Every structure is written in structure tokens, then in C-alpha cells.
Amino acid sequence: MDDKRHMLRHFLAALAYRTQKALRDAPDDFAEFKAGNDVRTPKELVRHMTSVLGYARTFFIGGEYRPEPLPTFRDEIERFHETLVNLRDHLESGTPLSGLTELQLLQGQFSDAMTHVGQLAMLRRLHGEPIRSENFIHAAISPDNLTPDQPDPVAPDE
């Protein structure tokens, strides 16, 4: 695997970690929290993140991707993480990209998904349940773990 794909695998792992940090211990009503002005709910944001990454996957396998809403927030979160695993597997196996480069994948769909993680974190604050900050340089991020079961912060800020 070349350096670009190795970096993209790590980026997906950082995305999994930061998503779960934003969602960890969220109150039950967080999934449907409405901040107003047509802002997506957290449940809608996770589905949109899956859609963005599912679109990225089409550059490996072709076709199109439009995820239907799932019944629960937990279902949406599981599908999101399954999409991360699928993308990682394509990167690892050397599946060729069609129509864009690894760098375009990073600056496009992957970065778009990370932006939405920041929105989830902001929605937590607006909901009244902010997440603790941490020094992400020390986070236990591993491309082998793209599941919802992410480790606790190694270096949380005081």
C-alpha cells in the first residue's frame, strides 16, 4: 500500500474516533435535537456523513449511493462505521480509483465528513452536553479499529 492510501486509512480511523467522541454518552434525545434554521439533526448528520462516504466508495466500485433513513440513531451510526470499514478495505486491497485521485478523495469527501464531525460536536454544546476537549495528537487512533467502540481519550484537557 502506498503512502497516500496509508494516510487515508489513518484519516478514516481519525474520523471514526472523532465521531464517537462527539457521540459518546450523548443523551437519548440528542439524535433528534433541532438547533433551528433547517440545521440537520445529529441523526440526519450521521446519515449525511454515510452518504458522503458512500459517494466516495462509488469511485472504487462504480454506481451511485443514496442511503435510505434507518429507524434508529444506533442503526445510522452502525451503517456509518460499516461504510468506513468498506472504504478502508478498498484502500488496503489496492482497488483502483476511477475519476479522481487519493488527494481529491481527501480534500473532497473525506474532509467533508470530518467537517460534519465538528458540527456534531457543536450540536452537543448547543444541546447543553458539551464534549471535553483533548489533545488529539496523543489519541489512540488505529486504522484497525473503525467501529463505534473507540478508546477513551488518552490526553483529555483539564
Foldseek 3Di string as FASTA:
>chain_A
DDPLLVVVLLLLLVLLQLLLLLVPPQDPCQQVDDPDPPDDGVLRLLQVLLQLLQQVCCQQVNDHDDDDRDDDSVVSQQSSLVSSVVVNVCSVVVRDGHPDDSVCCCVGSSVVSVVSSVVSQVSCVVVVRHGFAFDCVPAPGDSVDSGSPGDDGPGTDD
